[in-house]
Amino acid sequence: MTLDPAFWHGKRVLVTGHTGFKGSWLSLWLQQLGAQCTGVGLAPSSSPSMFDLLQLESGMESRLADIG
């Protein structure tokens, strides 16, 4: 099985928990593949956070909210 980057290029993707460790990496990966990411999650719980270190907010729409 191979990953086809063309599949993700231009796709709109909602990532819940984008400020957490796993969500940050997923958001970075999707951005690198050309997806248009929107993230919903809590404020980062550590400083510095992976979300901040990767500077993900500059490449995606980010909404801080508690949906639980």
PDB file of N, CA and C in Angstrom:
ATOM      1  N   MET A   1       0.846  -1.163   0.000  1.00  0.00           N
ATOM      2  CA  MET A   1       0.000   0.000   0.000  1.00  0.00           C
ATOM      3  C   MET A   1       0.903   1.242   0.000  1.00  0.00           C
ATOM      4  N   THR A   2       0.602   2.184  -0.872  1.00  0.00           N
ATOM      5  CA  THR A   2       1.371   3.422  -0.925  1.00  0.00           C
ATOM      6  C   THR A   2       0.449   4.605  -0.683  1.00  0.00           C
ATOM      7  N   LEU A   3       1.032   5.683  -0.245  1.00  0.00           N
ATOM      8  CA  LEU A   3       0.290   6.905   0.013  1.00  0.00           C
ATOM      9  C   LEU A   3       0.323   7.774  -1.235  1.00  0.00           C
ATOM     10  N   ASP A   4      -0.832   8.210  -1.694  1.00  0.00           N
ATOM     11  CA  ASP A   4      -0.928   9.061  -2.871  1.00  0.00           C
ATOM     12  C   ASP A   4      -1.127  10.507  -2.418  1.00  0.00           C
ATOM     13  N   PRO A   5      -0.066  11.325  -2.443  1.00  0.00           N
ATOM     14  CA  PRO A   5      -0.193  12.717  -2.005  1.00  0.00           C
ATOM     15  C   PRO A   5      -1.236  13.497  -2.799  1.00  0.00           C
ATOM     16  N   ALA A   6      -1.456  13.142  -4.041  1.00  0.00           N
ATOM     17  CA  ALA A   6      -2.430  13.854  -4.862  1.00  0.00           C
ATOM     18  C   ALA A   6      -3.843  13.721  -4.292  1.00  0.00           C
ATOM     19  N   PHE A   7      -4.120  12.633  -3.584  1.00  0.00           N
ATOM     20  CA  PHE A   7      -5.431  12.452  -2.976  1.00  0.00           C
ATOM     21  C   PHE A   7      -5.730  13.558  -1.974  1.00  0.00           C
ATOM     22  N   TRP A   8      -4.746  13.932  -1.173  1.00  0.00           N
ATOM     23  CA  TRP A   8      -4.951  14.904  -0.100  1.00  0.00           C
ATOM     24  C   TRP A   8      -4.837  16.341  -0.568  1.00  0.00           C
ATOM     25  N   HIS A   9      -4.194  16.590  -1.698  1.00  0.00           N
ATOM     26  CA  HIS A   9      -3.965  17.961  -2.170  1.00  0.00           C
ATOM     27  C   HIS A   9      -5.300  18.687  -2.383  1.00  0.00           C
ATOM     28  N   GLY A  10      -5.479  19.788  -1.651  1.00  0.00           N
ATOM     29  CA  GLY A  10      -6.686  20.597  -1.766  1.00  0.00           C
ATOM     30  C   GLY A  10      -7.885  20.097  -0.985  1.00  0.00           C
ATOM     31  N   LYS A  11      -7.781  18.930  -0.358  1.00  0.00           N
ATOM     32  CA  LYS A  11      -8.896  18.409   0.444  1.00  0.00           C
ATOM     33  C   LYS A  11      -9.044  19.243   1.715  1.00  0.00           C
ATOM     34  N   ARG A  12     -10.285  19.434   2.143  1.00  0.00           N
ATOM     35  CA  ARG A  12     -10.557  20.119   3.396  1.00  0.00           C
ATOM     36  C   ARG A  12     -10.682  19.065   4.484  1.00  0.00           C
ATOM     37  N   VAL A  13      -9.879  19.208   5.548  1.00  0.00           N
ATOM     38  CA  VAL A  13      -9.822  18.203   6.603  1.00  0.00           C
ATOM     39  C   VAL A  13     -10.015  18.872   7.957  1.00  0.00           C
ATOM     40  N   LEU A  14     -10.885  18.310   8.794  1.00  0.00           N
ATOM     41  CA  LEU A  14     -11.078  18.768  10.166  1.00  0.00           C
ATOM     42  C   LEU A  14     -10.316  17.828  11.090  1.00  0.00           C
ATOM     43  N   VAL A  15      -9.413  18.400  11.876  1.00  0.00           N
ATOM     44  CA  VAL A  15      -8.624  17.621  12.830  1.00  0.00           C
ATOM     45  C   VAL A  15      -9.070  18.025  14.231  1.00  0.00           C
ATOM     46  N   THR A  16      -9.664  17.083  14.968  1.00  0.00           N
ATOM     47  CA  THR A  16     -10.024  17.370  16.354  1.00  0.00           C
ATOM     48  C   THR A  16      -8.820  17.018  17.224  1.00  0.00           C
ATOM     49  N   GLY A  17      -8.539  17.863  18.199  1.00  0.00           N
ATOM     50  CA  GLY A  17      -7.378  17.645  19.055  1.00  0.00           C
ATOM     51  C   GLY A  17      -6.078  18.042  18.382  1.00  0.00           C
ATOM     52  N   HIS A  18      -6.125  19.026  17.510  1.00  0.00           N
ATOM     53  CA  HIS A  18      -4.953  19.419  16.723  1.00  0.00           C
ATOM     54  C   HIS A  18      -3.827  20.039  17.546  1.00  0.00           C
ATOM     55  N   THR A  19      -4.102  20.460  18.771  1.00  0.00           N
ATOM     56  CA  THR A  19      -3.068  21.068  19.597  1.00  0.00           C
ATOM     57  C   THR A  19      -2.334  20.043  20.459  1.00  0.00           C
ATOM     58  N   GLY A  20      -2.819  18.809  20.489  1.00  0.00           N
ATOM     59  CA  GLY A  20      -2.156  17.741  21.237  1.00  0.00           C
ATOM     60  C   GLY A  20      -0.989  17.160  20.453  1.00  0.00           C
ATOM     61  N   PHE A  21      -0.290  16.236  21.067  1.00  0.00           N
ATOM     62  CA  PHE A  21       0.900  15.657  20.434  1.00  0.00           C
ATOM     63  C   PHE A  21       0.565  14.935  19.129  1.00  0.00           C
ATOM     64  N   LYS A  22      -0.377  14.013  19.166  1.00  0.00           N
ATOM     65  CA  LYS A  22      -0.728  13.254  17.962  1.00  0.00           C
ATOM     66  C   LYS A  22      -1.419  14.131  16.925  1.00  0.00           C
ATOM     67  N   GLY A  23      -2.311  14.993  17.383  1.00  0.00           N
ATOM     68  CA  GLY A  23      -3.009  15.886  16.461  1.00  0.00           C
ATOM     69  C   GLY A  23      -2.082  16.853  15.769  1.00  0.00           C
ATOM     70  N   SER A  24      -1.039  17.303  16.473  1.00  0.00           N
ATOM     71  CA  SER A  24      -0.050  18.204  15.867  1.00  0.00           C
ATOM     72  C   SER A  24       0.688  17.513  14.733  1.00  0.00           C
ATOM     73  N   TRP A  25       1.120  16.287  14.983  1.00  0.00           N
ATOM     74  CA  TRP A  25       1.835  15.543  13.940  1.00  0.00           C
ATOM     75  C   TRP A  25       0.922  15.238  12.763  1.00  0.00           C
ATOM     76  N   LEU A  26      -0.336  14.895  13.031  1.00  0.00           N
ATOM     77  CA  LEU A  26      -1.283  14.636  11.955  1.00  0.00           C
ATOM     78  C   LEU A  26      -1.510  15.899  11.132  1.00  0.00           C
ATOM     79  N   SER A  27      -1.653  17.025  11.804  1.00  0.00           N
ATOM     80  CA  SER A  27      -1.852  18.295  11.103  1.00  0.00           C
ATOM     81  C   SER A  27      -0.654  18.647  10.238  1.00  0.00           C
ATOM     82  N   LEU A  28       0.545  18.443  10.769  1.00  0.00           N
ATOM     83  CA  LEU A  28       1.757  18.716   9.992  1.00  0.00           C
ATOM     84  C   LEU A  28       1.801  17.831   8.756  1.00  0.00           C
ATOM     85  N   TRP A  29       1.539  16.542   8.922  1.00  0.00           N
ATOM     86  CA  TRP A  29       1.574  15.585   7.828  1.00  0.00           C
ATOM     87  C   TRP A  29       0.566  15.966   6.740  1.00  0.00           C
ATOM     88  N   LEU A  30      -0.666  16.293   7.156  1.00  0.00           N
ATOM     89  CA  LEU A  30      -1.689  16.673   6.191  1.00  0.00           C
ATOM     90  C   LEU A  30      -1.343  17.970   5.469  1.00  0.00           C
ATOM     91  N   GLN A  31      -0.783  18.941   6.189  1.00  0.00           N
ATOM     92  CA  GLN A  31      -0.365  20.186   5.549  1.00  0.00           C
ATOM     93  C   GLN A  31       0.718  19.920   4.510  1.00  0.00           C
ATOM     94  N   GLN A  32       1.661  19.048   4.842  1.00  0.00           N
ATOM     95  CA  GLN A  32       2.738  18.717   3.902  1.00  0.00           C
ATOM     96  C   GLN A  32       2.194  18.039   2.649  1.00  0.00           C
ATOM     97  N   LEU A  33       1.067  17.347   2.782  1.00  0.00           N
ATOM     98  CA  LEU A  33       0.444  16.682   1.635  1.00  0.00           C
ATOM     99  C   LEU A  33      -0.459  17.623   0.841  1.00  0.00           C
ATOM    100  N   GLY A  34      -0.614  18.850   1.315  1.00  0.00           N
ATOM    101  CA  GLY A  34      -1.396  19.842   0.586  1.00  0.00           C
ATOM    102  C   GLY A  34      -2.837  19.977   1.009  1.00  0.00           C
ATOM    103  N   ALA A  35      -3.220  19.360   2.111  1.00  0.00           N
ATOM    104  CA  ALA A  35      -4.596  19.472   2.598  1.00  0.00           C
ATOM    105  C   ALA A  35      -4.825  20.835   3.236  1.00  0.00           C
ATOM    106  N   GLN A  36      -6.064  21.290   3.186  1.00  0.00           N
ATOM    107  CA  GLN A  36      -6.465  22.521   3.861  1.00  0.00           C
ATOM    108  C   GLN A  36      -7.044  22.118   5.208  1.00  0.00           C
ATOM    109  N   CYS A  37      -6.266  22.313   6.261  1.00  0.00           N
ATOM    110  CA  CYS A  37      -6.644  21.820   7.588  1.00  0.00           C
ATOM    111  C   CYS A  37      -7.327  22.888   8.418  1.00  0.00           C
ATOM    112  N   THR A  38      -8.333  22.448   9.144  1.00  0.00           N
ATOM    113  CA  THR A  38      -8.965  23.233  10.187  1.00  0.00           C
ATOM    114  C   THR A  38      -8.890  22.385  11.450  1.00  0.00           C
ATOM    115  N   GLY A  39      -8.453  22.997  12.541  1.00  0.00           N
ATOM    116  CA  GLY A  39      -8.317  22.260  13.783  1.00  0.00           C
ATOM    117  C   GLY A  39      -9.217  22.807  14.870  1.00  0.00           C
ATOM    118  N   VAL A  40      -9.766  21.902  15.675  1.00  0.00           N
ATOM    119  CA  VAL A  40     -10.560  22.256  16.847  1.00  0.00           C
ATOM    120  C   VAL A  40      -9.975  21.498  18.023  1.00  0.00           C
ATOM    121  N   GLY A  41      -9.628  22.211  19.077  1.00  0.00           N
ATOM    122  CA  GLY A  41      -9.068  21.546  20.243  1.00  0.00           C
ATOM    123  C   GLY A  41      -8.906  22.499  21.411  1.00  0.00           C
ATOM    124  N   LEU A  42      -8.424  21.957  22.494  1.00  0.00           N
ATOM    125  CA  LEU A  42      -8.144  22.756  23.684  1.00  0.00           C
ATOM    126  C   LEU A  42      -6.864  23.559  23.478  1.00  0.00           C
ATOM    127  N   ALA A  43      -6.659  24.545  24.329  1.00  0.00           N
ATOM    128  CA  ALA A  43      -5.394  25.274  24.305  1.00  0.00           C
ATOM    129  C   ALA A  43      -4.267  24.291  24.637  1.00  0.00           C
ATOM    130  N   PRO A  44      -3.098  24.458  24.037  1.00  0.00           N
ATOM    131  CA  PRO A  44      -1.988  23.542  24.333  1.00  0.00           C
ATOM    132  C   PRO A  44      -1.735  23.467  25.837  1.00  0.00           C
ATOM    133  N   SER A  45      -1.463  22.241  26.327  1.00  0.00           N
ATOM    134  CA  SER A  45      -1.323  22.034  27.767  1.00  0.00           C
ATOM    135  C   SER A  45       0.095  22.195  28.275  1.00  0.00           C
ATOM    136  N   SER A  46       1.057  22.340  27.390  1.00  0.00           N
ATOM    137  CA  SER A  46       2.440  22.523  27.828  1.00  0.00           C
ATOM    138  C   SER A  46       3.060  23.701  27.091  1.00  0.00           C
ATOM    139  N   SER A  47       4.157  24.177  27.628  1.00  0.00           N
ATOM    140  CA  SER A  47       4.845  25.290  26.988  1.00  0.00           C
ATOM    141  C   SER A  47       6.335  25.011  26.983  1.00  0.00           C
ATOM    142  N   PRO A  48       6.958  24.889  25.855  1.00  0.00           N
ATOM    143  CA  PRO A  48       6.337  24.979  24.538  1.00  0.00           C
ATOM    144  C   PRO A  48       5.633  23.673  24.192  1.00  0.00           C
ATOM    145  N   SER A  49       4.629  23.770  23.367  1.00  0.00           N
ATOM    146  CA  SER A  49       3.896  22.577  22.926  1.00  0.00           C
ATOM    147  C   SER A  49       4.385  22.182  21.534  1.00  0.00           C
ATOM    148  N   MET A  50       4.088  20.968  21.144  1.00  0.00           N
ATOM    149  CA  MET A  50       4.453  20.520  19.799  1.00  0.00           C
ATOM    150  C   MET A  50       3.762  21.399  18.760  1.00  0.00           C
ATOM    151  N   PHE A  51       2.509  21.766  19.031  1.00  0.00           N
ATOM    152  CA  PHE A  51       1.745  22.636  18.141  1.00  0.00           C
ATOM    153  C   PHE A  51       2.487  23.951  17.907  1.00  0.00           C
ATOM    154  N   ASP A  52       3.000  24.540  18.999  1.00  0.00           N
ATOM    155  CA  ASP A  52       3.740  25.807  18.886  1.00  0.00           C
ATOM    156  C   ASP A  52       5.102  25.608  18.224  1.00  0.00           C
ATOM    157  N   LEU A  53       5.819  24.553  18.602  1.00  0.00           N
ATOM    158  CA  LEU A  53       7.147  24.310  18.033  1.00  0.00           C
ATOM    159  C   LEU A  53       7.104  24.080  16.528  1.00  0.00           C
ATOM    160  N   LEU A  54       6.057  23.414  16.051  1.00  0.00           N
ATOM    161  CA  LEU A  54       5.920  23.158  14.618  1.00  0.00           C
ATOM    162  C   LEU A  54       5.317  24.343  13.863  1.00  0.00           C
ATOM    163  N   GLN A  55       4.894  25.373  14.608  1.00  0.00           N
ATOM    164  CA  GLN A  55       4.286  26.585  14.038  1.00  0.00           C
ATOM    165  C   GLN A  55       3.113  26.242  13.115  1.00  0.00           C
ATOM    166  N   LEU A  56       2.261  25.363  13.590  1.00  0.00           N
ATOM    167  CA  LEU A  56       1.154  24.865  12.777  1.00  0.00           C
ATOM    168  C   LEU A  56       0.068  25.900  12.535  1.00  0.00           C
ATOM    169  N   GLU A  57      -0.084  26.823  13.460  1.00  0.00           N
ATOM    170  CA  GLU A  57      -1.163  27.800  13.324  1.00  0.00           C
ATOM    171  C   GLU A  57      -0.996  28.662  12.074  1.00  0.00           C
ATOM    172  N   SER A  58       0.233  28.813  11.597  1.00  0.00           N
ATOM    173  CA  SER A  58       0.456  29.640  10.407  1.00  0.00           C
ATOM    174  C   SER A  58      -0.048  28.968   9.133  1.00  0.00           C
ATOM    175  N   GLY A  59      -0.262  27.646   9.164  1.00  0.00           N
ATOM    176  CA  GLY A  59      -0.676  26.941   7.962  1.00  0.00           C
ATOM    177  C   GLY A  59      -2.063  26.352   8.018  1.00  0.00           C
ATOM    178  N   MET A  60      -2.832  26.726   9.056  1.00  0.00           N
ATOM    179  CA  MET A  60      -4.172  26.147   9.187  1.00  0.00           C
ATOM    180  C   MET A  60      -5.064  27.080   9.977  1.00  0.00           C
ATOM    181  N   GLU A  61      -6.363  26.872   9.864  1.00  0.00           N
ATOM    182  CA  GLU A  61      -7.311  27.585  10.697  1.00  0.00           C
ATOM    183  C   GLU A  61      -7.417  26.847  12.017  1.00  0.00           C
ATOM    184  N   SER A  62      -7.279  27.559  13.113  1.00  0.00           N
ATOM    185  CA  SER A  62      -7.271  26.935  14.433  1.00  0.00           C
ATOM    186  C   SER A  62      -8.361  27.532  15.307  1.00  0.00           C
ATOM    187  N   ARG A  63      -9.196  26.655  15.863  1.00  0.00           N
ATOM    188  CA  ARG A  63     -10.263  27.069  16.779  1.00  0.00           C
ATOM    189  C   ARG A  63     -10.028  26.378  18.120  1.00  0.00           C
ATOM    190  N   LEU A  64      -9.893  27.186  19.170  1.00  0.00           N
ATOM    191  CA  LEU A  64      -9.724  26.616  20.504  1.00  0.00           C
ATOM    192  C   LEU A  64     -11.097  26.527  21.157  1.00  0.00           C
ATOM    193  N   ALA A  65     -11.490  25.292  21.478  1.00  0.00           N
ATOM    194  CA  ALA A  65     -12.802  25.059  22.082  1.00  0.00           C
ATOM    195  C   ALA A  65     -12.821  23.691  22.746  1.00  0.00           C
ATOM    196  N   ASP A  66     -13.678  23.562  23.735  1.00  0.00           N
ATOM    197  CA  ASP A  66     -13.903  22.275  24.399  1.00  0.00           C
ATOM    198  C   ASP A  66     -15.225  21.723  23.868  1.00  0.00           C
ATOM    199  N   ILE A  67     -15.152  20.695  23.037  1.00  0.00           N
ATOM    200  CA  ILE A  67     -16.370  20.155  22.437  1.00  0.00           C
ATOM    201  C   ILE A  67     -16.920  18.973  23.230  1.00  0.00           C
ATOM    202  N   GLY A  68     -16.236  18.615  24.331  1.00  0.00           N
ATOM    203  CA  GLY A  68     -16.664  17.468  25.126  1.00  0.00           C
ATOM    204  C   GLY A  68     -17.665  17.857  26.077  1.00  0.00           C
TER     205      GLY A  68
END
